[in-house]
Amino acid sequence: MDKIHVLNSYDVLVGTNILDQLTKIVASENYSKTFVITTSIVGDLHFKKVKEVLPNAEKILIEISEQEKNIESVKEIWEKLFSLGCDRKSLIIIMGGGVLGDVAGFAASTYMRGIPFIQIPTTLLSQVDSSVGGKNGINFKEIKNLIGTFNQPITVLCEIDFLSTLPDRTFLEGFGEIIKHGIVADKTYFDFVTSKKPREFNTSELSKIILGSINIKAKIVNDDEKEKGIRKLINFGHTIGHGVEALSQNTDHPLSHGEAISIGMVVEAKISMLLGLISNTEVSQIIQSLNNAGLPTSLPNISVKDLIEKINSDKKIEAGSIKWTLIEEIGKGIINQEVDEKIIITALKSNYELTN
């Protein structure tokens, strides 16, 4: 088992067969009750393992997807916590993917002004990204994560064995965020995580990848917990990606978060190239690495107009303009860049066939 300390506050534990650590964590405090918020699929797979170490834990089932990442799902969690007698001395364990982690984390952060919670991320994407850093939130007015909190968990447990139950598409989307970490922060890491196809990495290598991504994110979060500066590096690919993800939900082929971020990184790499920050060779290398990981790099058939409107409602707008995260080279991102809309449109149109 490996351990990464975040914000001088809590540990992220990574390894196999690490749920027994829950016994020590829970024993350290006199919690009145313990609740495990999970989905039926994840619960069927993994809840019994939690019960083995925490026999008194009560299960709360929430069925959730990106379309249900809203206040109604939060209210459902609040109502279940209330009906089961959750009080300020209770503990909440969130066991699932990134959407559940965001929504249940928000519910835990706001119920009775905050109940301590543990994240047990069960997807690769949530292990390397959303479970670390304390962001909790929901979508509002079709804007992704517009409402939320910064509230850190007391522990994060990344059980690598859980990843063996993931379908290929869910496993592969985690590499969107993994590759992003290399692009904005560490060329050596980028070279390692793109050296094979995702399913070709063995358990030891996969553990190294997860630790590498968490280390990159933890270092950034330690310097900038509430995204006032350097934490914006992690937003690379997200301004375009969030817009594409949201618009794709209304199509016959909705994109997952990691898939949308993959596409967003390609467009934002092209914006970087059009601004003279990186070369066409580097853009091609990024596209090849994402294709090799089984991720999409061309956008679906949505209009430029709709996408620009969605981008212009992004929560990252400051003083009326978007502050973009772009790249100067693979392994080095830059923040707070202003980009003329004509360049954005050029980058979009170079990447896919759109209905205007």
Protein backbone atom coordinates (compact mmCIF):
# COMPACT_ATOMS: atom_id res chain seq x y z
CA MET A 1 0.00 0.00 0.00
CA ASP A 2 1.20 3.50 -0.86
CA LYS A 3 0.18 6.73 0.82
CA ILE A 4 0.04 10.31 -0.47
CA HIS A 5 -0.62 13.16 1.96
CA VAL A 6 -2.82 16.02 0.73
CA LEU A 7 -3.07 19.54 2.18
CA ASN A 8 -1.52 18.44 5.49
CA SER A 9 -5.02 17.12 6.09
CA TYR A 10 -5.66 13.59 4.85
CA ASP A 11 -4.14 10.59 3.14
CA VAL A 12 -4.89 9.00 -0.20
CA LEU A 13 -4.20 5.27 0.09
CA VAL A 14 -3.48 3.25 -3.05
CA GLY A 15 -3.11 -0.52 -3.20
CA THR A 16 -4.85 -3.88 -3.20
CA ASN A 17 -6.93 -5.29 -0.34
CA ILE A 18 -6.83 -1.96 1.51
CA LEU A 19 -10.43 -1.76 2.76
CA ASP A 20 -9.29 -3.16 6.10
CA GLN A 21 -7.85 0.32 6.67
CA LEU A 22 -11.43 1.44 7.28
CA THR A 23 -11.35 -0.34 10.65
CA LYS A 24 -8.46 1.84 11.86
CA ILE A 25 -9.95 5.02 10.45
CA VAL A 26 -13.38 4.49 11.99
CA ALA A 27 -11.92 3.27 15.31
CA SER A 28 -10.02 6.56 15.65
CA GLU A 29 -13.29 8.47 16.11
CA ASN A 30 -16.46 7.74 18.04
CA TYR A 31 -18.89 7.89 15.12
CA SER A 32 -22.54 7.42 16.00
CA LYS A 33 -23.43 5.74 12.69
CA THR A 34 -21.75 4.88 9.42
CA PHE A 35 -23.51 5.18 6.07
CA VAL A 36 -22.24 3.90 2.71
CA ILE A 37 -23.67 5.81 -0.23
CA THR A 38 -23.34 3.75 -3.40
CA THR A 39 -25.17 2.57 -6.51
CA SER A 40 -26.89 -0.79 -6.96
CA ILE A 41 -24.22 -2.02 -9.42
CA VAL A 42 -21.27 -0.97 -7.25
CA GLY A 43 -23.07 -2.11 -4.11
CA ASP A 44 -23.64 -5.58 -5.52
CA LEU A 45 -19.95 -5.83 -6.41
CA HIS A 46 -18.27 -4.29 -3.39
CA PHE A 47 -20.54 -3.45 -0.43
CA LYS A 48 -20.04 -6.86 1.18
CA LYS A 49 -16.32 -6.09 1.43
CA VAL A 50 -17.09 -2.96 3.41
CA LYS A 51 -19.50 -4.88 5.67
CA GLU A 52 -16.74 -7.37 6.46
CA VAL A 53 -14.71 -4.63 8.14
CA LEU A 54 -17.61 -2.36 9.21
CA PRO A 55 -20.48 -4.73 10.10
CA ASN A 56 -22.72 -1.89 11.35
CA ALA A 57 -22.48 0.16 8.16
CA GLU A 58 -25.84 1.03 6.58
CA LYS A 59 -26.22 1.14 2.81
CA ILE A 60 -27.87 4.03 0.95
CA LEU A 61 -28.53 3.33 -2.72
CA ILE A 62 -28.58 6.17 -5.24
CA GLU A 63 -29.00 5.54 -8.96
CA ILE A 64 -27.22 8.35 -10.75
CA SER A 65 -25.76 9.41 -14.08
CA GLU A 66 -24.56 12.69 -15.55
CA GLN A 67 -28.19 13.57 -16.33
CA GLU A 68 -29.12 13.18 -12.64
CA LYS A 69 -26.18 15.21 -11.35
CA ASN A 70 -28.52 17.82 -9.93
CA ILE A 71 -30.17 19.16 -6.80
CA GLU A 72 -32.91 16.52 -6.95
CA SER A 73 -30.33 13.77 -6.41
CA VAL A 74 -28.82 15.75 -3.53
CA LYS A 75 -32.28 16.11 -1.96
CA GLU A 76 -32.77 12.35 -2.28
CA ILE A 77 -29.54 11.77 -0.35
CA TRP A 78 -30.47 14.37 2.31
CA GLU A 79 -33.88 12.73 2.77
CA LYS A 80 -32.38 9.27 3.18
CA LEU A 81 -29.76 10.51 5.64
CA PHE A 82 -32.45 12.25 7.67
CA SER A 83 -34.80 9.26 7.70
CA LEU A 84 -31.97 6.98 8.88
CA GLY A 85 -30.98 9.26 11.74
CA CYS A 86 -27.73 10.66 10.38
CA ASP A 87 -26.39 13.23 12.82
CA ARG A 88 -23.30 15.42 13.13
CA LYS A 89 -21.31 12.57 14.65
CA SER A 90 -22.06 10.19 11.79
CA LEU A 91 -19.62 9.13 9.06
CA ILE A 92 -20.47 8.92 5.37
CA ILE A 93 -18.54 6.61 3.01
CA ILE A 94 -19.01 7.34 -0.69
CA MET A 95 -18.30 4.33 -2.89
CA GLY A 96 -18.65 4.78 -6.63
CA GLY A 97 -17.51 6.71 -9.66
CA GLY A 98 -16.93 10.40 -10.20
CA VAL A 99 -20.55 11.50 -10.60
CA LEU A 100 -21.60 9.83 -7.36
CA GLY A 101 -18.50 11.18 -5.62
CA ASP A 102 -19.30 14.74 -6.69
CA VAL A 103 -22.99 14.59 -5.77
CA ALA A 104 -22.71 12.62 -2.53
CA GLY A 105 -19.69 14.73 -1.52
CA PHE A 106 -21.82 17.84 -2.01
CA ALA A 107 -24.65 16.30 0.01
CA ALA A 108 -22.25 15.36 2.83
CA SER A 109 -20.67 18.82 2.75
CA THR A 110 -24.01 20.57 3.19
CA TYR A 111 -26.11 18.23 5.36
CA MET A 112 -26.06 19.65 8.91
CA ARG A 113 -23.35 22.02 7.62
CA GLY A 114 -21.01 19.16 6.92
CA ILE A 115 -20.68 15.47 7.82
CA PRO A 116 -17.21 13.84 7.64
CA PHE A 117 -16.88 11.59 4.62
CA ILE A 118 -14.52 9.08 3.05
CA GLN A 119 -14.19 8.62 -0.70
CA ILE A 120 -13.77 5.10 -2.09
CA PRO A 121 -13.55 5.75 -5.84
CA THR A 122 -14.32 2.65 -7.88
CA THR A 123 -13.43 3.84 -11.40
CA LEU A 124 -10.00 4.70 -12.77
CA LEU A 125 -11.19 8.22 -13.63
CA SER A 126 -12.37 8.92 -10.10
CA GLN A 127 -9.25 7.40 -8.54
CA VAL A 128 -6.84 9.59 -10.49
CA ASP A 129 -8.89 12.78 -10.51
CA SER A 130 -12.25 13.59 -8.97
CA SER A 131 -11.79 11.91 -5.57
CA VAL A 132 -8.68 13.98 -4.81
CA GLY A 133 -8.80 17.70 -4.11
CA GLY A 134 -12.09 18.27 -2.33
CA LYS A 135 -14.28 19.48 -5.19
CA ASN A 136 -17.92 18.47 -4.74
CA GLY A 137 -20.74 19.68 -6.93
CA ILE A 138 -23.72 19.39 -9.20
CA ASN A 139 -24.80 20.70 -12.59
CA PHE A 140 -27.21 23.63 -12.80
CA LYS A 141 -28.86 25.33 -15.79
CA GLU A 142 -27.09 22.69 -17.94
CA ILE A 143 -23.72 24.06 -16.80
CA LYS A 144 -21.41 21.40 -15.44
CA ASN A 145 -20.48 21.70 -11.74
CA LEU A 146 -21.85 25.24 -11.44
CA ILE A 147 -22.97 24.64 -7.86
CA GLY A 148 -20.54 23.11 -5.39
CA THR A 149 -18.16 23.23 -2.47
CA PHE A 150 -14.52 22.81 -1.64
CA ASN A 151 -14.64 20.31 1.21
CA GLN A 152 -11.96 17.70 1.76
CA PRO A 153 -12.65 14.06 2.66
CA ILE A 154 -11.02 12.59 5.74
CA THR A 155 -9.46 9.79 3.65
CA VAL A 156 -9.48 8.46 0.09
CA LEU A 157 -9.07 4.71 -0.51
CA CYS A 158 -8.10 3.66 -4.06
CA GLU A 159 -8.55 -0.10 -4.26
CA ILE A 160 -6.85 -1.23 -7.46
CA ASP A 161 -8.68 -4.58 -7.54
CA PHE A 162 -11.95 -2.70 -8.11
CA LEU A 163 -10.71 -1.71 -11.57
CA SER A 164 -10.85 -5.32 -12.77
CA THR A 165 -14.66 -5.12 -12.76
CA LEU A 166 -14.82 -2.12 -15.09
CA PRO A 167 -16.02 -2.41 -18.69
CA ASP A 168 -13.45 -1.30 -21.27
CA ARG A 169 -15.10 2.02 -22.07
CA THR A 170 -15.20 3.05 -18.41
CA PHE A 171 -11.61 1.93 -17.85
CA LEU A 172 -10.29 3.73 -20.93
CA GLU A 173 -11.90 7.07 -20.13
CA GLY A 174 -9.69 7.29 -17.05
CA PHE A 175 -6.72 7.64 -19.36
CA GLY A 176 -8.13 10.94 -20.61
CA GLU A 177 -7.33 12.55 -17.26
CA ILE A 178 -4.13 10.52 -16.83
CA ILE A 179 -2.72 11.72 -20.15
CA LYS A 180 -3.85 15.27 -19.31
CA HIS A 181 -1.76 15.23 -16.12
CA GLY A 182 1.30 14.38 -18.18
CA ILE A 183 0.54 17.04 -20.80
CA VAL A 184 0.27 19.90 -18.31
CA ALA A 185 2.82 18.88 -15.69
CA ASP A 186 5.28 16.08 -16.48
CA LYS A 187 6.66 14.99 -19.87
CA THR A 188 8.34 11.89 -18.38
CA TYR A 189 5.03 10.77 -16.92
CA PHE A 190 3.31 11.48 -20.25
CA ASP A 191 5.84 9.28 -22.06
CA PHE A 192 5.27 6.44 -19.57
CA VAL A 193 1.46 6.47 -19.60
CA THR A 194 1.37 6.60 -23.41
CA SER A 195 4.01 3.90 -23.95
CA LYS A 196 1.39 1.12 -24.17
CA LYS A 197 -2.31 0.71 -24.73
CA PRO A 198 -4.14 1.08 -21.38
CA ARG A 199 -5.09 -2.60 -21.00
CA GLU A 200 -1.48 -3.65 -21.62
CA PHE A 201 -0.23 -2.20 -18.31
CA ASN A 202 0.10 -4.80 -15.56
CA THR A 203 -1.14 -4.24 -12.00
CA SER A 204 2.20 -2.91 -10.78
CA GLU A 205 2.42 -0.45 -13.69
CA LEU A 206 -1.19 0.59 -13.22
CA SER A 207 -0.49 1.28 -9.55
CA LYS A 208 2.47 3.44 -10.61
CA ILE A 209 0.23 5.35 -13.03
CA ILE A 210 -2.46 5.98 -10.40
CA LEU A 211 0.15 7.16 -7.90
CA GLY A 212 1.73 9.37 -10.56
CA SER A 213 -1.52 11.13 -11.36
CA ILE A 214 -2.46 11.55 -7.71
CA ASN A 215 1.00 12.95 -6.93
CA ILE A 216 0.70 15.49 -9.73
CA LYS A 217 -2.75 16.58 -8.61
CA ALA A 218 -1.85 16.58 -4.90
CA LYS A 219 1.16 18.84 -5.49
CA ILE A 220 -1.01 21.29 -7.40
CA VAL A 221 -3.83 21.19 -4.84
CA ASN A 222 -1.36 21.63 -1.98
CA ASP A 223 -0.27 24.91 -3.57
CA ASP A 224 -3.75 26.09 -4.54
CA GLU A 225 -6.67 24.37 -2.82
CA LYS A 226 -9.44 26.64 -4.13
CA GLU A 227 -8.30 27.20 -7.71
CA LYS A 228 -7.13 30.79 -7.46
CA GLY A 229 -4.00 30.11 -9.51
CA ILE A 230 -1.93 27.04 -10.38
CA ARG A 231 -4.81 24.56 -9.85
CA LYS A 232 -6.26 25.92 -13.09
CA LEU A 233 -3.65 23.77 -14.87
CA ILE A 234 -5.93 20.80 -14.29
CA ASN A 235 -8.58 22.52 -16.43
CA PHE A 236 -6.73 21.81 -19.67
CA GLY A 237 -9.22 20.30 -22.11
CA HIS A 238 -12.15 21.09 -19.84
CA THR A 239 -13.46 24.35 -21.29
CA ILE A 240 -14.14 22.70 -24.64
CA GLY A 241 -14.66 19.28 -23.06
CA HIS A 242 -17.39 20.34 -20.64
CA GLY A 243 -19.30 22.01 -23.47
CA VAL A 244 -19.05 18.96 -25.69
CA GLU A 245 -19.98 16.63 -22.83
CA ALA A 246 -23.10 18.66 -22.00
CA LEU A 247 -24.29 18.96 -25.61
CA SER A 248 -23.64 15.29 -26.33
CA GLN A 249 -26.10 14.25 -23.62
CA ASN A 250 -28.92 15.29 -25.95
CA THR A 251 -27.68 13.07 -28.79
CA ASP A 252 -27.92 9.36 -29.53
CA HIS A 253 -24.28 8.95 -28.49
CA PRO A 254 -23.63 10.80 -25.21
CA LEU A 255 -19.97 11.11 -24.30
CA SER A 256 -18.47 10.21 -20.94
CA HIS A 257 -16.41 12.79 -19.09
CA GLY A 258 -13.05 11.29 -20.03
CA GLU A 259 -14.07 10.99 -23.68
CA ALA A 260 -15.18 14.63 -23.81
CA ILE A 261 -11.98 15.80 -22.11
CA SER A 262 -9.95 13.86 -24.67
CA ILE A 263 -11.66 15.78 -27.47
CA GLY A 264 -11.33 19.02 -25.53
CA MET A 265 -7.58 18.53 -25.16
CA VAL A 266 -7.17 18.13 -28.92
CA VAL A 267 -9.04 21.35 -29.64
CA GLU A 268 -7.22 23.26 -26.91
CA ALA A 269 -3.87 21.90 -28.14
CA LYS A 270 -4.79 23.26 -31.57
CA ILE A 271 -5.64 26.62 -29.99
CA SER A 272 -2.18 26.53 -28.39
CA MET A 273 -0.67 25.82 -31.80
CA LEU A 274 -2.60 28.64 -33.49
CA LEU A 275 -1.24 31.02 -30.84
CA GLY A 276 2.30 29.88 -31.63
CA LEU A 277 2.81 28.16 -28.28
CA ILE A 278 3.38 24.60 -29.55
CA SER A 279 4.17 22.93 -32.86
CA ASN A 280 1.96 20.90 -35.13
CA THR A 281 4.23 17.93 -34.30
CA GLU A 282 3.29 18.18 -30.63
CA VAL A 283 -0.40 18.40 -31.52
CA SER A 284 -0.02 15.25 -33.62
CA GLN A 285 1.74 13.50 -30.73
CA ILE A 286 -1.14 14.35 -28.38
CA ILE A 287 -3.72 13.11 -30.90
CA GLN A 288 -1.80 9.88 -31.46
CA SER A 289 -1.47 9.24 -27.72
CA LEU A 290 -5.22 9.66 -27.19
CA ASN A 291 -6.09 7.49 -30.18
CA ASN A 292 -3.71 4.83 -28.89
CA ALA A 293 -5.58 4.93 -25.57
CA GLY A 294 -8.84 4.22 -27.38
CA LEU A 295 -10.22 7.72 -26.79
CA PRO A 296 -12.05 9.91 -29.31
CA THR A 297 -10.26 12.92 -30.77
CA SER A 298 -12.88 14.28 -33.18
CA LEU A 299 -16.03 15.97 -32.02
CA PRO A 300 -19.57 14.79 -32.72
CA ASN A 301 -21.88 16.59 -35.12
CA ILE A 302 -22.88 19.57 -32.98
CA SER A 303 -22.98 23.13 -34.21
CA VAL A 304 -20.23 25.66 -33.71
CA LYS A 305 -22.85 28.15 -32.57
CA ASP A 306 -24.22 25.84 -29.85
CA LEU A 307 -20.74 24.95 -28.65
CA ILE A 308 -19.58 28.57 -28.50
CA GLU A 309 -22.71 29.48 -26.52
CA LYS A 310 -22.05 26.63 -24.12
CA ILE A 311 -18.39 27.62 -23.71
CA ASN A 312 -19.42 31.22 -23.01
CA SER A 313 -21.53 30.04 -20.06
CA ASP A 314 -18.63 28.13 -18.53
CA LYS A 315 -18.15 28.69 -14.80
CA LYS A 316 -14.50 29.61 -15.39
CA ILE A 317 -15.44 32.97 -16.94
CA GLU A 318 -13.88 35.93 -15.10
CA ALA A 319 -14.79 39.56 -15.78
CA GLY A 320 -16.66 38.53 -18.90
CA SER A 321 -13.93 36.44 -20.54
CA ILE A 322 -12.71 32.87 -20.35
CA LYS A 323 -9.29 32.31 -18.82
CA TRP A 324 -7.94 29.36 -20.81
CA THR A 325 -5.42 26.78 -19.73
CA LEU A 326 -3.17 26.02 -22.68
CA ILE A 327 0.24 24.39 -23.19
CA GLU A 328 3.68 25.70 -24.09
CA GLU A 329 5.03 22.19 -24.62
CA ILE A 330 4.06 18.68 -23.62
CA GLY A 331 4.70 18.65 -19.88
CA LYS A 332 4.20 22.38 -19.34
CA GLY A 333 0.82 24.06 -19.12
CA ILE A 334 0.08 27.76 -18.74
CA ILE A 335 -2.97 29.40 -17.17
CA ASN A 336 -5.08 32.55 -17.55
CA GLN A 337 -4.76 32.85 -21.32
CA GLU A 338 -7.23 34.98 -23.28
CA VAL A 339 -8.14 33.69 -26.73
CA ASP A 340 -9.93 35.49 -29.55
CA GLU A 341 -13.15 33.74 -30.53
CA LYS A 342 -11.99 33.51 -34.17
CA ILE A 343 -9.10 31.29 -33.08
CA ILE A 344 -11.45 29.07 -31.07
CA ILE A 345 -13.74 28.66 -34.08
CA THR A 346 -10.77 27.92 -36.36
CA ALA A 347 -9.55 25.22 -33.96
CA LEU A 348 -13.03 23.70 -33.77
CA LYS A 349 -13.60 23.65 -37.51
CA SER A 350 -10.21 22.06 -38.12
CA ASN A 351 -11.13 19.13 -35.95
CA TYR A 352 -14.50 17.84 -37.11
CA GLU A 353 -17.43 18.21 -39.44
CA LEU A 354 -20.06 20.40 -37.81
CA THR A 355 -23.55 21.49 -38.68
CA ASN A 356 -23.54 25.30 -38.47
